[in-house]
Amino acid sequence: MENSQNKTSKQHEMHISCRQNGNMTGIEKVISSCETALCLVSACGNMTINGEKLKIVKYNADDGTLTFEGTVNSIKYSGAKQPLIKRIFK
């Protein structure tokens, strides 16, 4: 029971220093990573970090921590898309 409670109360935090280095918690999955974008699933929804020379330095899937380097230009959060059937038959 305790384990399921921890999953629902998971928090997401992000710390960025001078738009260069970042540390995050609450990262559930790395969808993709390239020099210009990091696409992640966080406890607060999907997020995309756009920038230059972005690189994941360390990712621990067990505790959801991620450290990255590079210049951050923007951060965008979005909710997960509903399945096509649910979108058609609202």
Protein backbone atom coordinates (compact mmCIF):
# COMPACT_ATOMS: atom_id res chain seq x y z
CA MET A 1 0.00 0.00 0.00
CA GLU A 2 2.75 2.48 0.85
CA ASN A 3 4.29 2.03 -2.58
CA SER A 4 1.11 3.06 -4.43
CA GLN A 5 0.74 6.13 -2.21
CA ASN A 6 4.28 7.26 -3.05
CA LYS A 7 3.54 7.10 -6.78
CA THR A 8 0.46 9.30 -6.53
CA SER A 9 2.15 11.90 -4.33
CA LYS A 10 5.34 12.14 -6.40
CA GLN A 11 6.57 15.69 -6.80
CA HIS A 12 8.45 17.34 -9.61
CA GLU A 13 11.11 20.00 -9.04
CA MET A 14 13.52 21.73 -11.38
CA HIS A 15 16.57 23.87 -10.64
CA ILE A 16 18.40 25.65 -13.46
CA SER A 17 21.57 27.65 -12.91
CA CYS A 18 22.27 30.50 -15.36
CA ARG A 19 20.30 28.72 -18.10
CA GLN A 20 23.20 26.24 -18.33
CA ASN A 21 22.96 23.36 -15.85
CA GLY A 22 19.79 21.73 -14.56
CA ASN A 23 18.73 19.22 -11.93
CA MET A 24 15.24 17.72 -11.86
CA THR A 25 13.26 15.30 -9.73
CA GLY A 26 10.02 13.51 -10.55
CA ILE A 27 11.13 12.44 -14.04
CA GLU A 28 9.32 9.24 -14.97
CA LYS A 29 10.68 8.66 -18.47
CA VAL A 30 13.05 10.11 -21.08
CA ILE A 31 11.22 10.03 -24.41
CA SER A 32 14.02 11.48 -26.54
CA SER A 33 17.20 13.48 -26.25
CA CYS A 34 19.20 15.46 -28.81
CA GLU A 35 21.32 18.63 -28.84
CA THR A 36 18.31 20.88 -29.37
CA ALA A 37 15.57 19.23 -27.27
CA LEU A 38 14.93 16.96 -24.29
CA CYS A 39 11.48 15.32 -24.25
CA LEU A 40 10.55 13.95 -20.84
CA VAL A 41 7.59 12.63 -18.87
CA SER A 42 7.45 14.20 -15.41
CA ALA A 43 5.11 13.75 -12.47
CA CYS A 44 3.36 16.94 -13.72
CA GLY A 45 2.93 15.81 -17.35
CA ASN A 46 4.98 15.78 -20.53
CA MET A 47 7.67 18.40 -20.83
CA THR A 48 10.01 19.59 -23.56
CA ILE A 49 13.18 21.55 -22.90
CA ASN A 50 14.43 23.37 -26.01
CA GLY A 51 17.90 24.82 -26.28
CA GLU A 52 21.41 24.38 -27.62
CA LYS A 53 24.05 21.74 -26.88
CA LEU A 54 21.70 19.94 -24.49
CA LYS A 55 23.05 16.75 -23.01
CA ILE A 56 21.82 14.44 -20.26
CA VAL A 57 24.66 14.02 -17.79
CA LYS A 58 22.91 11.57 -15.46
CA TYR A 59 19.48 9.94 -15.29
CA ASN A 60 18.34 7.61 -12.51
CA ALA A 61 15.04 5.97 -13.42
CA ASP A 62 14.70 4.42 -9.96
CA ASP A 63 14.41 7.71 -8.08
CA GLY A 64 13.43 9.95 -11.03
CA THR A 65 16.39 12.33 -10.90
CA LEU A 66 17.94 13.85 -14.02
CA THR A 67 20.91 16.18 -14.51
CA PHE A 68 21.56 17.96 -17.80
CA GLU A 69 23.90 20.54 -19.38
CA GLY A 70 23.41 23.02 -22.19
CA THR A 71 21.74 26.34 -22.87
CA VAL A 72 17.99 26.38 -22.10
CA ASN A 73 15.86 28.53 -24.41
CA SER A 74 12.38 27.33 -23.37
CA ILE A 75 10.51 24.83 -21.24
CA LYS A 76 7.04 23.65 -22.20
CA TYR A 77 4.66 21.40 -20.26
CA SER A 78 1.77 19.58 -21.87
CA GLY A 79 -0.68 16.92 -20.79
CA ALA A 80 -0.57 13.43 -22.20
CA LYS A 81 -2.72 12.99 -25.31
CA GLN A 82 -5.87 10.95 -24.97
CA PRO A 83 -6.26 7.89 -27.16
CA LEU A 84 -7.81 8.60 -30.57
CA ILE A 85 -11.06 6.77 -29.74
CA LYS A 86 -11.64 8.93 -26.66
CA ARG A 87 -10.98 12.12 -28.66
CA ILE A 88 -13.44 11.11 -31.37
CA PHE A 89 -16.23 9.98 -29.03
CA LYS A 90 -16.29 12.72 -26.39
